Structure formats: C-alpha cells, structure tokens
Amino acid sequence: MNRIATRELSMAIALVAIWAFFAWQEPVFLSSRNLSLLSVELAVTAVLALGMLVVLLPGQIDLSAGSGVGLAGAVAAVLVFWHGVPAPFALLLAAVARCSCGRRWER
C-alpha cells in the first residue's frame, strides 16, 4: 500500500472507531432519528465545504475564499438557529450576502 492509501484507510478506521465508541456509550446514537438529525445539521456545513471544493479544485484559491465561506456559514447558522429560517432559504440568503459583500469590496 502506498502512503496515500494508508492515510485514507486510517481515516476510515478512525471514523468507524468513533462511531463504535458513541454507539457503545449511547445506544440511540445509530438510530434512524439521530442519524436524520445529524444529517440535517450537517447540511449547511456540507454545502459550504462543497463550495470550497469548487474553488480549491482548479487551484483558484485566494484568501478571500475562506473568509467568504466563514461569513456565509455564520450568516446561515444564525438564520437557522436563532431566527428559525429554513435551511435552504438560509443558505440562499447567505450566498446573496456573500456575493453582495464581495462586489462592494471589489469596487
């Protein structure tokens, strides 16, 4: 096995070990309700991570990309958890906020 495959395998083993530990500590951890709630909470972070992947993949990274993702994540989190806005709408508002802030600073 080369070094990259070993690293990927070790990360998968670590993830399974974490799941096993929490399932052992709390039997409802792997229940369908808990996994559903975890996936809903992960949705905003996953969309932001995919957006960063699109920027990183072609090598077009700059310092503003990370700050923009941080701003969008913070706006979406505040809208979802403090104001009760549905997650898809909060993501849309966060994207609009990021685009409008970026254009204002470029002028």
PDB file of N, CA and C in Angstrom:
ATOM      1  N   MET A   1       0.835  -1.184   0.000  1.00  0.00           N
ATOM      2  CA  MET A   1       0.000   0.000   0.000  1.00  0.00           C
ATOM      3  C   MET A   1       0.881   1.250   0.000  1.00  0.00           C
ATOM      4  N   ASN A   2       0.499   2.202  -0.801  1.00  0.00           N
ATOM      5  CA  ASN A   2       1.278   3.436  -0.777  1.00  0.00           C
ATOM      6  C   ASN A   2       0.803   4.327   0.374  1.00  0.00           C
ATOM      7  N   ARG A   3       1.467   5.434   0.525  1.00  0.00           N
ATOM      8  CA  ARG A   3       1.219   6.305   1.676  1.00  0.00           C
ATOM      9  C   ARG A   3      -0.184   6.917   1.666  1.00  0.00           C
ATOM     10  N   ILE A   4      -0.674   7.292   0.485  1.00  0.00           N
ATOM     11  CA  ILE A   4      -1.995   7.916   0.400  1.00  0.00           C
ATOM     12  C   ILE A   4      -3.083   6.909   0.770  1.00  0.00           C
ATOM     13  N   ALA A   5      -2.967   5.692   0.286  1.00  0.00           N
ATOM     14  CA  ALA A   5      -3.971   4.671   0.611  1.00  0.00           C
ATOM     15  C   ALA A   5      -3.964   4.367   2.111  1.00  0.00           C
ATOM     16  N   THR A   6      -2.797   4.329   2.724  1.00  0.00           N
ATOM     17  CA  THR A   6      -2.704   4.090   4.161  1.00  0.00           C
ATOM     18  C   THR A   6      -3.369   5.221   4.933  1.00  0.00           C
ATOM     19  N   ARG A   7      -3.154   6.446   4.496  1.00  0.00           N
ATOM     20  CA  ARG A   7      -3.762   7.591   5.168  1.00  0.00           C
ATOM     21  C   ARG A   7      -5.286   7.536   5.059  1.00  0.00           C
ATOM     22  N   GLU A   8      -5.797   7.219   3.871  1.00  0.00           N
ATOM     23  CA  GLU A   8      -7.243   7.136   3.686  1.00  0.00           C
ATOM     24  C   GLU A   8      -7.835   5.998   4.506  1.00  0.00           C
ATOM     25  N   LEU A   9      -7.155   4.883   4.565  1.00  0.00           N
ATOM     26  CA  LEU A   9      -7.637   3.750   5.340  1.00  0.00           C
ATOM     27  C   LEU A   9      -7.643   4.074   6.835  1.00  0.00           C
ATOM     28  N   SER A  10      -6.610   4.765   7.295  1.00  0.00           N
ATOM     29  CA  SER A  10      -6.557   5.108   8.716  1.00  0.00           C
ATOM     30  C   SER A  10      -7.670   6.084   9.090  1.00  0.00           C
ATOM     31  N   MET A  11      -8.034   6.985   8.196  1.00  0.00           N
ATOM     32  CA  MET A  11      -9.131   7.910   8.473  1.00  0.00           C
ATOM     33  C   MET A  11     -10.464   7.168   8.539  1.00  0.00           C
ATOM     34  N   ALA A  12     -10.655   6.188   7.671  1.00  0.00           N
ATOM     35  CA  ALA A  12     -11.886   5.396   7.703  1.00  0.00           C
ATOM     36  C   ALA A  12     -11.960   4.573   8.986  1.00  0.00           C
ATOM     37  N   ILE A  13     -10.836   3.996   9.391  1.00  0.00           N
ATOM     38  CA  ILE A  13     -10.801   3.225  10.636  1.00  0.00           C
ATOM     39  C   ILE A  13     -11.089   4.124  11.830  1.00  0.00           C
ATOM     40  N   ALA A  14     -10.537   5.331  11.830  1.00  0.00           N
ATOM     41  CA  ALA A  14     -10.796   6.274  12.920  1.00  0.00           C
ATOM     42  C   ALA A  14     -12.277   6.653  12.975  1.00  0.00           C
ATOM     43  N   LEU A  15     -12.893   6.856  11.828  1.00  0.00           N
ATOM     44  CA  LEU A  15     -14.316   7.194  11.785  1.00  0.00           C
ATOM     45  C   LEU A  15     -15.166   6.045  12.335  1.00  0.00           C
ATOM     46  N   VAL A  16     -14.853   4.831  11.934  1.00  0.00           N
ATOM     47  CA  VAL A  16     -15.591   3.668  12.442  1.00  0.00           C
ATOM     48  C   VAL A  16     -15.383   3.514  13.949  1.00  0.00           C
ATOM     49  N   ALA A  17     -14.167   3.773  14.426  1.00  0.00           N
ATOM     50  CA  ALA A  17     -13.896   3.680  15.863  1.00  0.00           C
ATOM     51  C   ALA A  17     -14.691   4.726  16.642  1.00  0.00           C
ATOM     52  N   ILE A  18     -14.799   5.930  16.103  1.00  0.00           N
ATOM     53  CA  ILE A  18     -15.587   6.980  16.759  1.00  0.00           C
ATOM     54  C   ILE A  18     -17.055   6.588  16.798  1.00  0.00           C
ATOM     55  N   TRP A  19     -17.575   6.084  15.673  1.00  0.00           N
ATOM     56  CA  TRP A  19     -18.970   5.632  15.643  1.00  0.00           C
ATOM     57  C   TRP A  19     -19.200   4.522  16.654  1.00  0.00           C
ATOM     58  N   ALA A  20     -18.292   3.560  16.697  1.00  0.00           N
ATOM     59  CA  ALA A  20     -18.443   2.432  17.621  1.00  0.00           C
ATOM     60  C   ALA A  20     -18.428   2.907  19.071  1.00  0.00           C
ATOM     61  N   PHE A  21     -17.536   3.844  19.389  1.00  0.00           N
ATOM     62  CA  PHE A  21     -17.464   4.365  20.757  1.00  0.00           C
ATOM     63  C   PHE A  21     -18.766   5.041  21.155  1.00  0.00           C
ATOM     64  N   PHE A  22     -19.275   5.919  20.300  1.00  0.00           N
ATOM     65  CA  PHE A  22     -20.505   6.629  20.643  1.00  0.00           C
ATOM     66  C   PHE A  22     -21.716   5.702  20.640  1.00  0.00           C
ATOM     67  N   ALA A  23     -21.730   4.707  19.772  1.00  0.00           N
ATOM     68  CA  ALA A  23     -22.828   3.728  19.784  1.00  0.00           C
ATOM     69  C   ALA A  23     -22.791   2.908  21.059  1.00  0.00           C
ATOM     70  N   TRP A  24     -21.609   2.619  21.551  1.00  0.00           N
ATOM     71  CA  TRP A  24     -21.463   1.876  22.804  1.00  0.00           C
ATOM     72  C   TRP A  24     -21.880   2.734  23.995  1.00  0.00           C
ATOM     73  N   GLN A  25     -21.508   4.013  23.989  1.00  0.00           N
ATOM     74  CA  GLN A  25     -21.850   4.922  25.078  1.00  0.00           C
ATOM     75  C   GLN A  25     -23.341   5.275  25.100  1.00  0.00           C
ATOM     76  N   GLU A  26     -23.917   5.445  23.942  1.00  0.00           N
ATOM     77  CA  GLU A  26     -25.318   5.861  23.836  1.00  0.00           C
ATOM     78  C   GLU A  26     -25.987   5.001  22.768  1.00  0.00           C
ATOM     79  N   PRO A  27     -26.816   4.052  23.155  1.00  0.00           N
ATOM     80  CA  PRO A  27     -27.401   3.110  22.190  1.00  0.00           C
ATOM     81  C   PRO A  27     -28.236   3.765  21.086  1.00  0.00           C
ATOM     82  N   VAL A  28     -28.796   4.941  21.322  1.00  0.00           N
ATOM     83  CA  VAL A  28     -29.613   5.580  20.287  1.00  0.00           C
ATOM     84  C   VAL A  28     -28.776   6.384  19.297  1.00  0.00           C
ATOM     85  N   PHE A  29     -27.459   6.340  19.419  1.00  0.00           N
ATOM     86  CA  PHE A  29     -26.606   7.122  18.523  1.00  0.00           C
ATOM     87  C   PHE A  29     -26.806   6.719  17.066  1.00  0.00           C
ATOM     88  N   LEU A  30     -26.903   5.437  16.784  1.00  0.00           N
ATOM     89  CA  LEU A  30     -27.071   4.958  15.412  1.00  0.00           C
ATOM     90  C   LEU A  30     -28.534   4.742  15.039  1.00  0.00           C
ATOM     91  N   SER A  31     -29.450   5.326  15.796  1.00  0.00           N
ATOM     92  CA  SER A  31     -30.866   5.203  15.453  1.00  0.00           C
ATOM     93  C   SER A  31     -31.181   6.070  14.237  1.00  0.00           C
ATOM     94  N   SER A  32     -32.258   5.740  13.566  1.00  0.00           N
ATOM     95  CA  SER A  32     -32.617   6.493  12.357  1.00  0.00           C
ATOM     96  C   SER A  32     -32.954   7.948  12.687  1.00  0.00           C
ATOM     97  N   ARG A  33     -33.568   8.192  13.827  1.00  0.00           N
ATOM     98  CA  ARG A  33     -33.903   9.574  14.213  1.00  0.00           C
ATOM     99  C   ARG A  33     -32.651  10.411  14.438  1.00  0.00           C
ATOM    100  N   ASN A  34     -31.681   9.858  15.156  1.00  0.00           N
ATOM    101  CA  ASN A  34     -30.460  10.603  15.428  1.00  0.00           C
ATOM    102  C   ASN A  34     -29.663  10.835  14.148  1.00  0.00           C
ATOM    103  N   LEU A  35     -29.561   9.819  13.292  1.00  0.00           N
ATOM    104  CA  LEU A  35     -28.836   9.995  12.032  1.00  0.00           C
ATOM    105  C   LEU A  35     -29.515  11.018  11.137  1.00  0.00           C
ATOM    106  N   SER A  36     -30.852  11.067  11.178  1.00  0.00           N
ATOM    107  CA  SER A  36     -31.584  12.071  10.416  1.00  0.00           C
ATOM    108  C   SER A  36     -31.292  13.479  10.947  1.00  0.00           C
ATOM    109  N   LEU A  37     -31.294  13.637  12.254  1.00  0.00           N
ATOM    110  CA  LEU A  37     -30.985  14.945  12.842  1.00  0.00           C
ATOM    111  C   LEU A  37     -29.549  15.364  12.544  1.00  0.00           C
ATOM    112  N   LEU A  38     -28.618  14.417  12.596  1.00  0.00           N
ATOM    113  CA  LEU A  38     -27.224  14.728  12.276  1.00  0.00           C
ATOM    114  C   LEU A  38     -27.074  15.161  10.825  1.00  0.00           C
ATOM    115  N   SER A  39     -27.797  14.515   9.922  1.00  0.00           N
ATOM    116  CA  SER A  39     -27.695  14.893   8.509  1.00  0.00           C
ATOM    117  C   SER A  39     -28.284  16.272   8.254  1.00  0.00           C
ATOM    118  N   VAL A  40     -29.343  16.632   8.963  1.00  0.00           N
ATOM    119  CA  VAL A  40     -29.911  17.972   8.814  1.00  0.00           C
ATOM    120  C   VAL A  40     -28.925  19.025   9.322  1.00  0.00           C
ATOM    121  N   GLU A  41     -28.295  18.754  10.455  1.00  0.00           N
ATOM    122  CA  GLU A  41     -27.333  19.705  10.999  1.00  0.00           C
ATOM    123  C   GLU A  41     -26.077  19.802  10.140  1.00  0.00           C
ATOM    124  N   LEU A  42     -25.757  18.733   9.437  1.00  0.00           N
ATOM    125  CA  LEU A  42     -24.569  18.705   8.598  1.00  0.00           C
ATOM    126  C   LEU A  42     -24.785  19.387   7.249  1.00  0.00           C
ATOM    127  N   ALA A  43     -26.035  19.598   6.865  1.00  0.00           N
ATOM    128  CA  ALA A  43     -26.351  20.090   5.529  1.00  0.00           C
ATOM    129  C   ALA A  43     -25.672  21.425   5.219  1.00  0.00           C
ATOM    130  N   VAL A  44     -25.757  22.375   6.129  1.00  0.00           N
ATOM    131  CA  VAL A  44     -25.177  23.697   5.876  1.00  0.00           C
ATOM    132  C   VAL A  44     -23.658  23.592   5.728  1.00  0.00           C
ATOM    133  N   THR A  45     -23.023  22.852   6.619  1.00  0.00           N
ATOM    134  CA  THR A  45     -21.573  22.698   6.565  1.00  0.00           C
ATOM    135  C   THR A  45     -21.148  21.968   5.297  1.00  0.00           C
ATOM    136  N   ALA A  46     -21.919  20.964   4.887  1.00  0.00           N
ATOM    137  CA  ALA A  46     -21.582  20.210   3.684  1.00  0.00           C
ATOM    138  C   ALA A  46     -21.683  21.076   2.439  1.00  0.00           C
ATOM    139  N   VAL A  47     -22.695  21.918   2.357  1.00  0.00           N
ATOM    140  CA  VAL A  47     -22.829  22.807   1.200  1.00  0.00           C
ATOM    141  C   VAL A  47     -21.661  23.789   1.154  1.00  0.00           C
ATOM    142  N   LEU A  48     -21.273  24.322   2.304  1.00  0.00           N
ATOM    143  CA  LEU A  48     -20.126  25.236   2.345  1.00  0.00           C
ATOM    144  C   LEU A  48     -18.839  24.525   1.956  1.00  0.00           C
ATOM    145  N   ALA A  49     -18.665  23.294   2.407  1.00  0.00           N
ATOM    146  CA  ALA A  49     -17.473  22.529   2.065  1.00  0.00           C
ATOM    147  C   ALA A  49     -17.430  22.230   0.568  1.00  0.00           C
ATOM    148  N   LEU A  50     -18.570  21.913  -0.021  1.00  0.00           N
ATOM    149  CA  LEU A  50     -18.596  21.674  -1.462  1.00  0.00           C
ATOM    150  C   LEU A  50     -18.272  22.951  -2.237  1.00  0.00           C
ATOM    151  N   GLY A  51     -18.737  24.081  -1.737  1.00  0.00           N
ATOM    152  CA  GLY A  51     -18.386  25.351  -2.376  1.00  0.00           C
ATOM    153  C   GLY A  51     -16.886  25.612  -2.323  1.00  0.00           C
ATOM    154  N   MET A  52     -16.267  25.319  -1.197  1.00  0.00           N
ATOM    155  CA  MET A  52     -14.805  25.482  -1.093  1.00  0.00           C
ATOM    156  C   MET A  52     -14.089  24.496  -2.007  1.00  0.00           C
ATOM    157  N   LEU A  53     -14.637  23.297  -2.165  1.00  0.00           N
ATOM    158  CA  LEU A  53     -14.034  22.308  -3.057  1.00  0.00           C
ATOM    159  C   LEU A  53     -14.017  22.824  -4.491  1.00  0.00           C
ATOM    160  N   VAL A  54     -15.109  23.469  -4.892  1.00  0.00           N
ATOM    161  CA  VAL A  54     -15.176  24.015  -6.246  1.00  0.00           C
ATOM    162  C   VAL A  54     -14.100  25.082  -6.446  1.00  0.00           C
ATOM    163  N   VAL A  55     -13.796  25.835  -5.408  1.00  0.00           N
ATOM    164  CA  VAL A  55     -12.757  26.863  -5.508  1.00  0.00           C
ATOM    165  C   VAL A  55     -11.367  26.225  -5.471  1.00  0.00           C
ATOM    166  N   LEU A  56     -11.164  25.237  -4.617  1.00  0.00           N
ATOM    167  CA  LEU A  56      -9.853  24.623  -4.449  1.00  0.00           C
ATOM    168  C   LEU A  56      -9.461  23.717  -5.609  1.00  0.00           C
ATOM    169  N   LEU A  57     -10.422  23.023  -6.180  1.00  0.00           N
ATOM    170  CA  LEU A  57     -10.128  22.029  -7.200  1.00  0.00           C
ATOM    171  C   LEU A  57      -9.356  22.586  -8.395  1.00  0.00           C
ATOM    172  N   PRO A  58      -9.766  23.692  -8.996  1.00  0.00           N
ATOM    173  CA  PRO A  58      -8.988  24.198 -10.134  1.00  0.00           C
ATOM    174  C   PRO A  58      -7.764  25.025  -9.725  1.00  0.00           C
ATOM    175  N   GLY A  59      -7.532  25.161  -8.431  1.00  0.00           N
ATOM    176  CA  GLY A  59      -6.368  25.918  -7.971  1.00  0.00           C
ATOM    177  C   GLY A  59      -6.583  27.415  -7.946  1.00  0.00           C
ATOM    178  N   GLN A  60      -7.809  27.847  -7.874  1.00  0.00           N
ATOM    179  CA  GLN A  60      -8.125  29.277  -7.880  1.00  0.00           C
ATOM    180  C   GLN A  60      -8.330  29.816  -6.475  1.00  0.00           C
ATOM    181  N   ILE A  61      -7.589  29.321  -5.505  1.00  0.00           N
ATOM    182  CA  ILE A  61      -7.772  29.721  -4.118  1.00  0.00           C
ATOM    183  C   ILE A  61      -7.128  31.077  -3.850  1.00  0.00           C
ATOM    184  N   ASP A  62      -7.781  31.863  -3.068  1.00  0.00           N
ATOM    185  CA  ASP A  62      -7.196  33.086  -2.545  1.00  0.00           C
ATOM    186  C   ASP A  62      -7.690  33.246  -1.112  1.00  0.00           C
ATOM    187  N   LEU A  63      -7.187  34.232  -0.421  1.00  0.00           N
ATOM    188  CA  LEU A  63      -7.531  34.387   0.989  1.00  0.00           C
ATOM    189  C   LEU A  63      -8.980  34.766   1.219  1.00  0.00           C
ATOM    190  N   SER A  64      -9.605  35.394   0.259  1.00  0.00           N
ATOM    191  CA  SER A  64     -10.988  35.807   0.459  1.00  0.00           C
ATOM    192  C   SER A  64     -11.956  34.633   0.389  1.00  0.00           C
ATOM    193  N   ALA A  65     -11.558  33.529  -0.206  1.00  0.00           N
ATOM    194  CA  ALA A  65     -12.471  32.385  -0.310  1.00  0.00           C
ATOM    195  C   ALA A  65     -12.797  31.837   1.078  1.00  0.00           C
ATOM    196  N   GLY A  66     -11.804  31.671   1.907  1.00  0.00           N
ATOM    197  CA  GLY A  66     -12.042  31.162   3.263  1.00  0.00           C
ATOM    198  C   GLY A  66     -12.865  32.114   4.096  1.00  0.00           C
ATOM    199  N   SER A  67     -12.589  33.400   3.994  1.00  0.00           N
ATOM    200  CA  SER A  67     -13.367  34.361   4.773  1.00  0.00           C
ATOM    201  C   SER A  67     -14.798  34.444   4.267  1.00  0.00           C
ATOM    202  N   GLY A  68     -14.986  34.290   2.973  1.00  0.00           N
ATOM    203  CA  GLY A  68     -16.343  34.295   2.413  1.00  0.00           C
ATOM    204  C   GLY A  68     -17.147  33.098   2.872  1.00  0.00           C
ATOM    205  N   VAL A  69     -16.509  31.937   2.906  1.00  0.00           N
ATOM    206  CA  VAL A  69     -17.197  30.738   3.382  1.00  0.00           C
ATOM    207  C   VAL A  69     -17.513  30.878   4.866  1.00  0.00           C
ATOM    208  N   GLY A  70     -16.596  31.443   5.629  1.00  0.00           N
ATOM    209  CA  GLY A  70     -16.849  31.665   7.051  1.00  0.00           C
ATOM    210  C   GLY A  70     -18.014  32.621   7.269  1.00  0.00           C
ATOM    211  N   LEU A  71     -18.063  33.687   6.495  1.00  0.00           N
ATOM    212  CA  LEU A  71     -19.169  34.643   6.597  1.00  0.00           C
ATOM    213  C   LEU A  71     -20.491  33.977   6.230  1.00  0.00           C
ATOM    214  N   ALA A  72     -20.509  33.243   5.131  1.00  0.00           N
ATOM    215  CA  ALA A  72     -21.744  32.582   4.699  1.00  0.00           C
ATOM    216  C   ALA A  72     -22.198  31.549   5.728  1.00  0.00           C
ATOM    217  N   GLY A  73     -21.255  30.823   6.296  1.00  0.00           N
ATOM    218  CA  GLY A  73     -21.609  29.837   7.317  1.00  0.00           C
ATOM    219  C   GLY A  73     -22.175  30.484   8.563  1.00  0.00           C
ATOM    220  N   ALA A  74     -21.573  31.586   8.984  1.00  0.00           N
ATOM    221  CA  ALA A  74     -22.063  32.282  10.173  1.00  0.00           C
ATOM    222  C   ALA A  74     -23.455  32.862   9.940  1.00  0.00           C
ATOM    223  N   VAL A  75     -23.670  33.461   8.775  1.00  0.00           N
ATOM    224  CA  VAL A  75     -24.990  34.026   8.461  1.00  0.00           C
ATOM    225  C   VAL A  75     -26.043  32.922   8.418  1.00  0.00           C
ATOM    226  N   ALA A  76     -25.717  31.814   7.753  1.00  0.00           N
ATOM    227  CA  ALA A  76     -26.684  30.706   7.661  1.00  0.00           C
ATOM    228  C   ALA A  76     -26.977  30.114   9.032  1.00  0.00           C
ATOM    229  N   ALA A  77     -25.952  29.956   9.860  1.00  0.00           N
ATOM    230  CA  ALA A  77     -26.164  29.377  11.192  1.00  0.00           C
ATOM    231  C   ALA A  77     -27.033  30.274  12.053  1.00  0.00           C
ATOM    232  N   VAL A  78     -26.799  31.566  12.019  1.00  0.00           N
ATOM    233  CA  VAL A  78     -27.614  32.499  12.810  1.00  0.00           C
ATOM    234  C   VAL A  78     -29.055  32.487  12.321  1.00  0.00           C
ATOM    235  N   LEU A  79     -29.230  32.478  11.008  1.00  0.00           N
ATOM    236  CA  LEU A  79     -30.598  32.470  10.479  1.00  0.00           C
ATOM    237  C   LEU A  79     -31.348  31.192  10.843  1.00  0.00           C
ATOM    238  N   VAL A  80     -30.663  30.049  10.774  1.00  0.00           N
ATOM    239  CA  VAL A  80     -31.330  28.779  11.053  1.00  0.00           C
ATOM    240  C   VAL A  80     -31.626  28.614  12.538  1.00  0.00           C
ATOM    241  N   PHE A  81     -30.639  28.847  13.385  1.00  0.00           N
ATOM    242  CA  PHE A  81     -30.796  28.508  14.796  1.00  0.00           C
ATOM    243  C   PHE A  81     -31.388  29.612  15.650  1.00  0.00           C
ATOM    244  N   TRP A  82     -31.166  30.864  15.323  1.00  0.00           N
ATOM    245  CA  TRP A  82     -31.690  31.943  16.153  1.00  0.00           C
ATOM    246  C   TRP A  82     -33.000  32.515  15.619  1.00  0.00           C
ATOM    247  N   HIS A  83     -33.171  32.469  14.283  1.00  0.00           N
ATOM    248  CA  HIS A  83     -34.360  33.081  13.709  1.00  0.00           C
ATOM    249  C   HIS A  83     -35.326  32.063  13.122  1.00  0.00           C
ATOM    250  N   GLY A  84     -34.982  30.777  13.140  1.00  0.00           N
ATOM    251  CA  GLY A  84     -35.886  29.736  12.673  1.00  0.00           C
ATOM    252  C   GLY A  84     -36.138  29.723  11.178  1.00  0.00           C
ATOM    253  N   VAL A  85     -35.231  30.272  10.403  1.00  0.00           N
ATOM    254  CA  VAL A  85     -35.377  30.276   8.950  1.00  0.00           C
ATOM    255  C   VAL A  85     -35.053  28.870   8.436  1.00  0.00           C
ATOM    256  N   PRO A  86     -35.819  28.329   7.489  1.00  0.00           N
ATOM    257  CA  PRO A  86     -35.492  27.010   6.937  1.00  0.00           C
ATOM    258  C   PRO A  86     -34.097  27.010   6.305  1.00  0.00           C
ATOM    259  N   ALA A  87     -33.397  25.892   6.429  1.00  0.00           N
ATOM    260  CA  ALA A  87     -32.001  25.805   5.995  1.00  0.00           C
ATOM    261  C   ALA A  87     -31.788  26.161   4.522  1.00  0.00           C
ATOM    262  N   PRO A  88     -32.597  25.673   3.569  1.00  0.00           N
ATOM    263  CA  PRO A  88     -32.349  26.043   2.168  1.00  0.00           C
ATOM    264  C   PRO A  88     -32.454  27.552   1.937  1.00  0.00           C
ATOM    265  N   PHE A  89     -33.450  28.188   2.568  1.00  0.00           N
ATOM    266  CA  PHE A  89     -33.604  29.633   2.419  1.00  0.00           C
ATOM    267  C   PHE A  89     -32.449  30.375   3.089  1.00  0.00           C
ATOM    268  N   ALA A  90     -31.989  29.869   4.229  1.00  0.00           N
ATOM    269  CA  ALA A  90     -30.855  30.492   4.913  1.00  0.00           C
ATOM    270  C   ALA A  90     -29.589  30.398   4.066  1.00  0.00           C
ATOM    271  N   LEU A  91     -29.382  29.258   3.402  1.00  0.00           N
ATOM    272  CA  LEU A  91     -28.223  29.121   2.519  1.00  0.00           C
ATOM    273  C   LEU A  91     -28.308  30.101   1.357  1.00  0.00           C
ATOM    274  N   LEU A  92     -29.494  30.259   0.815  1.00  0.00           N
ATOM    275  CA  LEU A  92     -29.671  31.215  -0.280  1.00  0.00           C
ATOM    276  C   LEU A  92     -29.372  32.634   0.183  1.00  0.00           C
ATOM    277  N   LEU A  93     -29.887  33.017   1.344  1.00  0.00           N
ATOM    278  CA  LEU A  93     -29.617  34.354   1.879  1.00  0.00           C
ATOM    279  C   LEU A  93     -28.131  34.554   2.182  1.00  0.00           C
ATOM    280  N   ALA A  94     -27.478  33.510   2.694  1.00  0.00           N
ATOM    281  CA  ALA A  94     -26.043  33.600   2.987  1.00  0.00           C
ATOM    282  C   ALA A  94     -25.252  33.770   1.704  1.00  0.00           C
ATOM    283  N   ALA A  95     -25.635  33.060   0.647  1.00  0.00           N
ATOM    284  CA  ALA A  95     -24.946  33.206  -0.637  1.00  0.00           C
ATOM    285  C   ALA A  95     -25.137  34.611  -1.206  1.00  0.00           C
ATOM    286  N   VAL A  96     -26.345  35.134  -1.080  1.00  0.00           N
ATOM    287  CA  VAL A  96     -26.606  36.501  -1.560  1.00  0.00           C
ATOM    288  C   VAL A  96     -25.797  37.503  -0.744  1.00  0.00           C
ATOM    289  N   ALA A  97     -25.725  37.300   0.573  1.00  0.00           N
ATOM    290  CA  ALA A  97     -24.943  38.205   1.418  1.00  0.00           C
ATOM    291  C   ALA A  97     -23.473  38.157   1.030  1.00  0.00           C
ATOM    292  N   ARG A  98     -22.965  36.971   0.754  1.00  0.00           N
ATOM    293  CA  ARG A  98     -21.552  36.829   0.362  1.00  0.00           C
ATOM    294  C   ARG A  98     -21.296  37.505  -0.970  1.00  0.00           C
ATOM    295  N   CYS A  99     -22.188  37.310  -1.939  1.00  0.00           N
ATOM    296  CA  CYS A  99     -21.991  37.914  -3.263  1.00  0.00           C
ATOM    297  C   CYS A  99     -22.075  39.426  -3.193  1.00  0.00           C
ATOM    298  N   SER A 100     -23.025  39.944  -2.428  1.00  0.00           N
ATOM    299  CA  SER A 100     -23.170  41.398  -2.358  1.00  0.00           C
ATOM    300  C   SER A 100     -22.002  42.034  -1.611  1.00  0.00           C
ATOM    301  N   CYS A 101     -21.483  41.359  -0.583  1.00  0.00           N
ATOM    302  CA  CYS A 101     -20.324  41.901   0.140  1.00  0.00           C
ATOM    303  C   CYS A 101     -19.087  41.864  -0.737  1.00  0.00           C
ATOM    304  N   GLY A 102     -18.920  40.796  -1.497  1.00  0.00           N
ATOM    305  CA  GLY A 102     -17.755  40.681  -2.356  1.00  0.00           C
ATOM    306  C   GLY A 102     -17.726  41.739  -3.428  1.00  0.00           C
ATOM    307  N   ARG A 103     -18.882  42.040  -4.010  1.00  0.00           N
ATOM    308  CA  ARG A 103     -18.937  43.056  -5.064  1.00  0.00           C
ATOM    309  C   ARG A 103     -18.681  44.441  -4.500  1.00  0.00           C
ATOM    310  N   ARG A 104     -19.152  44.689  -3.292  1.00  0.00           N
ATOM    311  CA  ARG A 104     -18.962  46.014  -2.706  1.00  0.00           C
ATOM    312  C   ARG A 104     -17.477  46.277  -2.455  1.00  0.00           C
ATOM    313  N   TRP A 105     -16.729  45.261  -2.000  1.00  0.00           N
ATOM    314  CA  TRP A 105     -15.326  45.448  -1.681  1.00  0.00           C
ATOM    315  C   TRP A 105     -14.447  45.514  -2.931  1.00  0.00           C
ATOM    316  N   GLU A 106     -14.926  44.943  -4.033  1.00  0.00           N
ATOM    317  CA  GLU A 106     -14.108  44.950  -5.254  1.00  0.00           C
ATOM    318  C   GLU A 106     -14.098  46.303  -5.936  1.00  0.00           C
ATOM    319  N   ARG A 107     -15.066  47.138  -5.665  1.00  0.00           N
ATOM    320  CA  ARG A 107     -15.150  48.444  -6.343  1.00  0.00           C
ATOM    321  C   ARG A 107     -14.064  49.381  -5.943  1.00  0.00           C
TER     322      ARG A 107
END
